[in-house]
């Protein structure tokens, strides 16, 4: 396996461990919490911080029910769409997060879950795309992302 560069970091055999702090959607849709996750990643000595980028209407129907474990663990019953929509950050939020990460010496990464989100991240100039395991059998999406180099 060859090494690759992600920004200023070399990743691969013989290189130091590349540590990615997984912020995901643990910000609950709140940019202030998301920025605190960036700060925590930097304080922990991470190389990168990774979020999730999605447009709710692209990934779930408006009528999809919550999964049974979600129903058991959520205080309020709602649709899957409503629950996911609350976690969605805006394009401007992602720009703020990228700037915050870079100001602290972190590489900003995000997992796109749909084509519009790939475009958002490309416009932001992300250094790499992290593919979700749920998309490993989605050749259309994989080819689309691969064309972004």
N, C-alpha and C. Protein backbone atom coordinates (compact mmCIF):
# COMPACT_ATOMS: atom_id res chain seq x y z
N UNK A 1 0.85 -1.18 0.00
CA UNK A 1 0.00 0.00 0.00
C UNK A 1 0.89 1.24 0.00
N UNK A 2 0.55 2.19 -0.80
CA UNK A 2 1.30 3.44 -0.87
C UNK A 2 0.80 4.41 0.20
N UNK A 3 1.63 5.39 0.46
CA UNK A 3 1.20 6.47 1.36
C UNK A 3 0.49 7.52 0.52
N UNK A 4 -0.34 8.30 1.19
CA UNK A 4 -1.03 9.41 0.55
C UNK A 4 -0.84 10.65 1.40
N UNK A 5 -1.07 11.78 0.80
CA UNK A 5 -1.05 13.04 1.54
C UNK A 5 -2.48 13.52 1.74
N UNK A 6 -2.77 13.90 2.96
CA UNK A 6 -4.00 14.62 3.27
C UNK A 6 -3.54 15.94 3.85
N UNK A 7 -3.56 16.95 3.01
CA UNK A 7 -3.00 18.23 3.41
C UNK A 7 -1.52 18.07 3.70
N UNK A 8 -1.11 18.50 4.86
CA UNK A 8 0.30 18.45 5.25
C UNK A 8 0.68 17.12 5.87
N UNK A 9 -0.27 16.22 6.02
CA UNK A 9 -0.03 14.94 6.69
C UNK A 9 0.17 13.82 5.68
N UNK A 10 1.17 13.00 5.93
CA UNK A 10 1.42 11.81 5.13
C UNK A 10 0.78 10.64 5.88
N UNK A 11 -0.01 9.83 5.17
CA UNK A 11 -0.76 8.75 5.80
C UNK A 11 -0.42 7.44 5.10
N UNK A 12 -0.12 6.42 5.88
CA UNK A 12 0.17 5.11 5.30
C UNK A 12 1.25 4.40 6.08
N UNK A 13 1.72 3.26 5.54
CA UNK A 13 2.74 2.47 6.22
C UNK A 13 3.99 3.29 6.53
N UNK A 14 4.49 3.09 7.74
CA UNK A 14 5.71 3.79 8.14
C UNK A 14 5.50 5.22 8.60
N UNK A 15 4.26 5.69 8.55
CA UNK A 15 3.96 7.07 8.96
C UNK A 15 3.34 7.06 10.36
N UNK A 16 3.43 8.19 11.06
CA UNK A 16 2.76 8.27 12.37
C UNK A 16 1.25 8.06 12.20
N UNK A 17 0.63 7.59 13.26
CA UNK A 17 -0.81 7.37 13.24
C UNK A 17 -1.53 8.69 12.94
N UNK A 18 -2.48 8.64 12.01
CA UNK A 18 -3.29 9.80 11.65
C UNK A 18 -4.57 9.71 12.46
N UNK A 19 -4.74 10.63 13.40
CA UNK A 19 -5.87 10.55 14.34
C UNK A 19 -6.98 11.49 13.90
N UNK A 20 -8.16 10.89 13.69
CA UNK A 20 -9.35 11.65 13.29
C UNK A 20 -10.34 11.63 14.44
N UNK A 21 -10.67 12.80 14.96
CA UNK A 21 -11.69 12.91 15.99
C UNK A 21 -13.06 12.86 15.31
N UNK A 22 -13.87 11.92 15.70
CA UNK A 22 -15.19 11.72 15.08
C UNK A 22 -16.23 12.58 15.79
N UNK A 23 -16.53 13.73 15.19
CA UNK A 23 -17.60 14.58 15.72
C UNK A 23 -18.95 14.09 15.22
N UNK A 24 -18.97 13.61 13.95
CA UNK A 24 -20.21 13.08 13.37
C UNK A 24 -21.34 14.08 13.44
N UNK A 25 -22.45 13.65 14.04
CA UNK A 25 -23.58 14.55 14.23
C UNK A 25 -23.85 14.75 15.73
N UNK A 26 -22.80 14.56 16.53
CA UNK A 26 -22.93 14.68 17.98
C UNK A 26 -23.13 16.11 18.46
N UNK A 27 -23.24 17.04 17.55
CA UNK A 27 -23.51 18.44 17.85
C UNK A 27 -25.00 18.71 18.00
N UNK A 28 -25.82 17.71 17.66
CA UNK A 28 -27.28 17.84 17.77
C UNK A 28 -27.85 19.00 16.96
N UNK A 29 -27.14 19.37 15.89
CA UNK A 29 -27.62 20.45 15.03
C UNK A 29 -27.29 21.84 15.54
N UNK A 30 -26.47 21.94 16.56
CA UNK A 30 -26.13 23.21 17.20
C UNK A 30 -24.68 23.57 16.86
N UNK A 31 -24.47 24.66 16.13
CA UNK A 31 -23.14 25.06 15.70
C UNK A 31 -22.23 25.35 16.89
N UNK A 32 -22.78 25.84 17.98
CA UNK A 32 -21.94 26.12 19.16
C UNK A 32 -21.36 24.82 19.72
N UNK A 33 -22.18 23.79 19.79
CA UNK A 33 -21.69 22.49 20.26
C UNK A 33 -20.67 21.94 19.26
N UNK A 34 -20.95 22.10 17.96
CA UNK A 34 -20.03 21.62 16.93
C UNK A 34 -18.66 22.27 17.07
N UNK A 35 -18.63 23.56 17.35
CA UNK A 35 -17.35 24.26 17.54
C UNK A 35 -16.63 23.75 18.78
N UNK A 36 -17.37 23.41 19.81
CA UNK A 36 -16.74 22.84 21.02
C UNK A 36 -16.13 21.48 20.71
N UNK A 37 -16.76 20.72 19.81
CA UNK A 37 -16.19 19.43 19.39
C UNK A 37 -14.88 19.64 18.64
N UNK A 38 -14.82 20.70 17.83
CA UNK A 38 -13.58 21.03 17.13
C UNK A 38 -12.50 21.37 18.15
N UNK A 39 -12.84 22.18 19.13
CA UNK A 39 -11.87 22.57 20.16
C UNK A 39 -11.39 21.34 20.94
N UNK A 40 -12.31 20.44 21.27
CA UNK A 40 -11.95 19.23 22.01
C UNK A 40 -11.01 18.35 21.18
N UNK A 41 -11.26 18.28 19.88
CA UNK A 41 -10.39 17.50 18.99
C UNK A 41 -8.97 18.07 18.99
N UNK A 42 -8.88 19.38 18.95
CA UNK A 42 -7.56 20.01 18.97
C UNK A 42 -6.86 19.79 20.31
N UNK A 43 -7.59 19.94 21.40
CA UNK A 43 -7.02 19.75 22.74
C UNK A 43 -6.54 18.31 22.93
N UNK A 44 -7.21 17.37 22.28
CA UNK A 44 -6.85 15.95 22.42
C UNK A 44 -5.65 15.58 21.54
N UNK A 45 -5.21 16.50 20.69
CA UNK A 45 -4.06 16.22 19.84
C UNK A 45 -4.38 15.52 18.54
N UNK A 46 -5.63 15.59 18.11
CA UNK A 46 -6.04 14.97 16.84
C UNK A 46 -5.39 15.67 15.66
N UNK A 47 -5.28 14.94 14.57
CA UNK A 47 -4.81 15.53 13.31
C UNK A 47 -5.96 16.15 12.54
N UNK A 48 -7.14 15.57 12.70
CA UNK A 48 -8.31 16.00 11.93
C UNK A 48 -9.56 15.87 12.79
N UNK A 49 -10.59 16.57 12.37
CA UNK A 49 -11.92 16.42 12.98
C UNK A 49 -12.89 16.15 11.83
N UNK A 50 -13.79 15.18 12.04
CA UNK A 50 -14.69 14.77 10.96
C UNK A 50 -16.14 14.87 11.40
N UNK A 51 -16.91 15.51 10.54
CA UNK A 51 -18.35 15.66 10.74
C UNK A 51 -19.10 14.80 9.72
N UNK A 52 -20.41 14.97 9.66
CA UNK A 52 -21.25 14.32 8.65
C UNK A 52 -22.03 15.41 7.93
N UNK A 53 -22.03 15.34 6.61
CA UNK A 53 -22.74 16.31 5.79
C UNK A 53 -23.85 15.60 5.05
N UNK A 54 -25.07 16.12 5.19
CA UNK A 54 -26.22 15.52 4.50
C UNK A 54 -27.31 16.56 4.35
N UNK A 55 -28.10 16.34 3.33
CA UNK A 55 -29.34 17.08 3.13
C UNK A 55 -30.45 16.08 3.39
N UNK A 56 -31.19 16.31 4.43
CA UNK A 56 -32.18 15.35 4.92
C UNK A 56 -33.09 14.84 3.81
N UNK A 57 -33.56 15.74 2.97
CA UNK A 57 -34.50 15.34 1.91
C UNK A 57 -33.87 14.41 0.89
N UNK A 58 -32.54 14.35 0.87
CA UNK A 58 -31.83 13.46 -0.06
C UNK A 58 -31.62 12.06 0.51
N UNK A 59 -31.72 11.90 1.83
CA UNK A 59 -31.36 10.62 2.44
C UNK A 59 -32.51 9.88 3.11
N UNK A 60 -33.65 10.53 3.32
CA UNK A 60 -34.77 9.85 3.98
C UNK A 60 -36.08 10.47 3.51
N UNK A 61 -37.10 9.64 3.42
CA UNK A 61 -38.42 10.15 3.03
C UNK A 61 -39.07 10.84 4.23
N UNK A 62 -40.01 11.70 3.94
CA UNK A 62 -40.69 12.44 5.01
C UNK A 62 -41.55 11.54 5.90
N UNK A 63 -41.89 10.35 5.42
CA UNK A 63 -42.79 9.48 6.18
C UNK A 63 -42.09 8.30 6.84
N UNK A 64 -40.78 8.18 6.70
CA UNK A 64 -40.06 7.06 7.31
C UNK A 64 -40.18 7.13 8.83
N UNK A 65 -40.51 6.00 9.42
CA UNK A 65 -40.63 5.94 10.87
C UNK A 65 -39.25 5.84 11.51
N UNK A 66 -39.19 6.22 12.77
CA UNK A 66 -37.96 6.02 13.54
C UNK A 66 -37.74 4.52 13.72
N UNK A 67 -36.49 4.12 13.84
CA UNK A 67 -36.17 2.73 14.14
C UNK A 67 -36.64 2.42 15.56
N UNK A 68 -36.84 1.15 15.86
CA UNK A 68 -37.37 0.78 17.17
C UNK A 68 -36.46 1.24 18.31
N UNK A 69 -35.12 1.14 18.14
CA UNK A 69 -34.23 1.59 19.20
C UNK A 69 -34.33 3.10 19.40
N UNK A 70 -34.61 3.83 18.31
CA UNK A 70 -34.76 5.27 18.42
C UNK A 70 -36.05 5.60 19.17
N UNK A 71 -37.10 4.88 18.85
CA UNK A 71 -38.37 5.10 19.56
C UNK A 71 -38.20 4.86 21.05
N UNK A 72 -37.44 3.84 21.41
CA UNK A 72 -37.23 3.53 22.84
C UNK A 72 -36.40 4.60 23.54
N UNK A 73 -35.48 5.23 22.81
CA UNK A 73 -34.53 6.15 23.43
C UNK A 73 -34.83 7.62 23.24
N UNK A 74 -35.85 7.95 22.48
CA UNK A 74 -36.17 9.36 22.25
C UNK A 74 -37.36 9.77 23.12
N UNK A 75 -37.21 10.94 23.68
CA UNK A 75 -38.26 11.47 24.54
C UNK A 75 -39.53 11.76 23.75
N UNK A 76 -39.37 12.29 22.54
CA UNK A 76 -40.51 12.66 21.72
C UNK A 76 -40.56 11.79 20.47
N UNK A 77 -41.72 11.31 20.14
CA UNK A 77 -41.89 10.51 18.93
C UNK A 77 -42.01 11.44 17.73
N UNK A 78 -41.28 11.13 16.71
CA UNK A 78 -41.30 11.92 15.48
C UNK A 78 -40.93 11.00 14.34
N UNK A 79 -40.96 11.52 13.14
CA UNK A 79 -40.54 10.71 12.00
C UNK A 79 -39.02 10.73 11.92
N UNK A 80 -38.47 9.78 11.17
CA UNK A 80 -37.03 9.73 10.92
C UNK A 80 -36.59 11.05 10.28
N UNK A 81 -37.38 11.56 9.36
CA UNK A 81 -37.08 12.82 8.68
C UNK A 81 -36.93 13.95 9.69
N UNK A 82 -37.90 14.08 10.58
CA UNK A 82 -37.86 15.15 11.57
C UNK A 82 -36.64 15.04 12.47
N UNK A 83 -36.33 13.82 12.88
CA UNK A 83 -35.19 13.61 13.75
C UNK A 83 -33.88 13.98 13.05
N UNK A 84 -33.72 13.54 11.81
CA UNK A 84 -32.49 13.82 11.07
C UNK A 84 -32.39 15.29 10.71
N UNK A 85 -33.51 15.90 10.35
CA UNK A 85 -33.52 17.32 9.99
C UNK A 85 -32.97 18.18 11.12
N UNK A 86 -33.25 17.79 12.36
CA UNK A 86 -32.75 18.55 13.52
C UNK A 86 -31.23 18.49 13.63
N UNK A 87 -30.60 17.50 13.00
CA UNK A 87 -29.14 17.33 13.07
C UNK A 87 -28.41 18.01 11.91
N UNK A 88 -29.16 18.47 10.93
CA UNK A 88 -28.56 19.03 9.71
C UNK A 88 -27.96 20.40 9.97
N UNK A 89 -26.73 20.57 9.53
CA UNK A 89 -26.06 21.88 9.61
C UNK A 89 -26.15 22.57 8.25
N UNK A 90 -26.06 23.87 8.26
CA UNK A 90 -26.13 24.65 7.01
C UNK A 90 -24.76 24.69 6.34
N UNK A 91 -24.76 25.13 5.08
CA UNK A 91 -23.50 25.31 4.35
C UNK A 91 -22.60 26.30 5.08
N UNK A 92 -23.19 27.38 5.58
CA UNK A 92 -22.41 28.37 6.32
C UNK A 92 -21.83 27.78 7.60
N UNK A 93 -22.58 26.89 8.25
CA UNK A 93 -22.07 26.22 9.45
C UNK A 93 -20.82 25.42 9.12
N UNK A 94 -20.84 24.70 7.99
CA UNK A 94 -19.67 23.91 7.62
C UNK A 94 -18.47 24.79 7.31
N UNK A 95 -18.71 25.93 6.71
CA UNK A 95 -17.62 26.86 6.46
C UNK A 95 -17.02 27.33 7.79
N UNK A 96 -17.87 27.68 8.74
CA UNK A 96 -17.40 28.09 10.07
C UNK A 96 -16.59 26.99 10.74
N UNK A 97 -17.07 25.76 10.64
CA UNK A 97 -16.38 24.64 11.27
C UNK A 97 -15.03 24.39 10.62
N UNK A 98 -14.99 24.49 9.30
CA UNK A 98 -13.71 24.30 8.59
C UNK A 98 -12.71 25.37 9.02
N UNK A 99 -13.16 26.61 9.07
CA UNK A 99 -12.28 27.70 9.48
C UNK A 99 -11.82 27.52 10.92
N UNK A 100 -12.73 27.09 11.80
CA UNK A 100 -12.38 26.86 13.21
C UNK A 100 -11.34 25.75 13.32
N UNK A 101 -11.57 24.67 12.57
CA UNK A 101 -10.63 23.54 12.60
C UNK A 101 -9.25 23.98 12.12
N UNK A 102 -9.21 24.64 11.00
CA UNK A 102 -7.92 25.05 10.44
C UNK A 102 -7.20 26.05 11.33
N UNK A 103 -7.96 26.92 12.00
CA UNK A 103 -7.32 27.90 12.90
C UNK A 103 -6.65 27.22 14.08
N UNK A 104 -7.10 26.00 14.39
CA UNK A 104 -6.52 25.23 15.50
C UNK A 104 -5.54 24.17 15.00
N UNK A 105 -5.20 24.23 13.71
CA UNK A 105 -4.22 23.31 13.15
C UNK A 105 -4.78 21.94 12.78
N UNK A 106 -6.10 21.82 12.72
CA UNK A 106 -6.73 20.55 12.36
C UNK A 106 -7.11 20.52 10.89
N UNK A 107 -7.15 19.33 10.35
CA UNK A 107 -7.69 19.11 9.02
C UNK A 107 -9.19 18.88 9.18
N UNK A 108 -9.99 19.58 8.40
CA UNK A 108 -11.44 19.43 8.44
C UNK A 108 -11.86 18.35 7.44
N UNK A 109 -12.59 17.37 7.92
CA UNK A 109 -13.14 16.31 7.08
C UNK A 109 -14.63 16.17 7.36
N UNK A 110 -15.33 15.60 6.40
CA UNK A 110 -16.74 15.29 6.62
C UNK A 110 -17.14 14.16 5.70
N UNK A 111 -18.05 13.34 6.18
CA UNK A 111 -18.60 12.26 5.38
C UNK A 111 -19.84 12.77 4.66
N UNK A 112 -19.83 12.81 3.33
CA UNK A 112 -21.04 13.20 2.60
C UNK A 112 -21.95 11.98 2.44
N UNK A 113 -23.23 12.21 2.57
CA UNK A 113 -24.20 11.13 2.43
C UNK A 113 -25.06 11.25 1.18
N UNK A 114 -24.82 12.29 0.37
CA UNK A 114 -25.61 12.50 -0.84
C UNK A 114 -24.83 13.40 -1.79
N UNK A 115 -25.27 13.44 -3.03
CA UNK A 115 -24.56 14.22 -4.06
C UNK A 115 -24.48 15.71 -3.73
N UNK A 116 -25.58 16.36 -3.31
CA UNK A 116 -25.43 17.78 -2.97
C UNK A 116 -24.40 18.03 -1.87
N UNK A 117 -24.28 17.10 -0.94
CA UNK A 117 -23.29 17.27 0.13
C UNK A 117 -21.87 17.12 -0.38
N UNK A 118 -21.66 16.27 -1.38
CA UNK A 118 -20.34 16.17 -2.01
C UNK A 118 -19.98 17.53 -2.60
N UNK A 119 -20.94 18.16 -3.26
CA UNK A 119 -20.69 19.47 -3.87
C UNK A 119 -20.37 20.53 -2.82
N UNK A 120 -21.10 20.51 -1.71
CA UNK A 120 -20.85 21.46 -0.62
C UNK A 120 -19.40 21.30 -0.14
N UNK A 121 -19.00 20.07 0.11
CA UNK A 121 -17.65 19.82 0.62
C UNK A 121 -16.59 20.16 -0.40
N UNK A 122 -16.86 19.86 -1.65
CA UNK A 122 -15.89 20.23 -2.70
C UNK A 122 -15.73 21.76 -2.75
N UNK A 123 -16.85 22.48 -2.68
CA UNK A 123 -16.79 23.95 -2.69
C UNK A 123 -16.01 24.49 -1.50
N UNK A 124 -16.07 23.78 -0.37
CA UNK A 124 -15.31 24.19 0.80
C UNK A 124 -13.82 23.90 0.67
N UNK A 125 -13.49 23.03 -0.28
CA UNK A 125 -12.09 22.68 -0.48
C UNK A 125 -11.58 21.65 0.51
N UNK A 126 -12.44 20.70 0.89
CA UNK A 126 -11.96 19.64 1.79
C UNK A 126 -10.80 18.90 1.13
N UNK A 127 -9.90 18.41 1.96
CA UNK A 127 -8.70 17.75 1.45
C UNK A 127 -8.94 16.29 1.11
N UNK A 128 -10.01 15.71 1.67
CA UNK A 128 -10.33 14.30 1.42
C UNK A 128 -11.79 14.07 1.76
N UNK A 129 -12.35 13.04 1.17
CA UNK A 129 -13.72 12.62 1.48
C UNK A 129 -13.63 11.31 2.24
N UNK A 130 -14.39 11.19 3.30
CA UNK A 130 -14.50 9.93 4.03
C UNK A 130 -15.83 9.31 3.60
N UNK A 131 -15.78 8.10 3.10
CA UNK A 131 -16.99 7.42 2.63
C UNK A 131 -17.60 6.60 3.76
N UNK A 132 -18.88 6.71 3.93
CA UNK A 132 -19.59 5.93 4.94
C UNK A 132 -19.63 4.46 4.54
N UNK A 133 -19.55 3.58 5.51
CA UNK A 133 -19.64 2.15 5.21
C UNK A 133 -20.97 1.81 4.54
N UNK A 134 -22.01 2.62 4.79
CA UNK A 134 -23.30 2.36 4.15
C UNK A 134 -23.27 2.61 2.65
N UNK A 135 -22.23 3.30 2.16
CA UNK A 135 -22.12 3.58 0.73
C UNK A 135 -21.08 2.72 0.02
N UNK A 136 -20.50 1.75 0.71
CA UNK A 136 -19.48 0.92 0.09
C UNK A 136 -20.02 0.05 -1.05
N UNK A 137 -21.33 -0.15 -1.08
CA UNK A 137 -21.94 -0.92 -2.17
C UNK A 137 -22.80 -0.02 -3.06
N UNK A 138 -22.43 1.25 -3.14
CA UNK A 138 -23.16 2.23 -3.94
C UNK A 138 -22.23 2.73 -5.05
N UNK A 139 -22.10 1.97 -6.14
CA UNK A 139 -21.12 2.33 -7.18
C UNK A 139 -21.36 3.70 -7.79
N UNK A 140 -22.61 4.12 -7.94
CA UNK A 140 -22.88 5.45 -8.50
C UNK A 140 -22.23 6.52 -7.61
N UNK A 141 -22.48 6.43 -6.32
CA UNK A 141 -21.95 7.43 -5.40
C UNK A 141 -20.42 7.36 -5.32
N UNK A 142 -19.88 6.17 -5.27
CA UNK A 142 -18.42 6.01 -5.20
C UNK A 142 -17.74 6.62 -6.43
N UNK A 143 -18.31 6.37 -7.61
CA UNK A 143 -17.74 6.94 -8.83
C UNK A 143 -17.87 8.47 -8.82
N UNK A 144 -19.00 8.96 -8.34
CA UNK A 144 -19.22 10.40 -8.28
C UNK A 144 -18.16 11.07 -7.41
N UNK A 145 -17.95 10.52 -6.22
CA UNK A 145 -16.96 11.08 -5.31
C UNK A 145 -15.55 10.92 -5.89
N UNK A 146 -15.26 9.79 -6.47
CA UNK A 146 -13.92 9.54 -7.03
C UNK A 146 -13.58 10.55 -8.11
N UNK A 147 -14.58 11.00 -8.86
CA UNK A 147 -14.32 12.00 -9.91
C UNK A 147 -13.88 13.34 -9.33
N UNK A 148 -14.04 13.53 -8.03
CA UNK A 148 -13.62 14.78 -7.38
C UNK A 148 -12.13 14.75 -7.04
N UNK A 149 -11.50 13.61 -7.18
CA UNK A 149 -10.06 13.43 -6.90
C UNK A 149 -9.76 13.75 -5.46
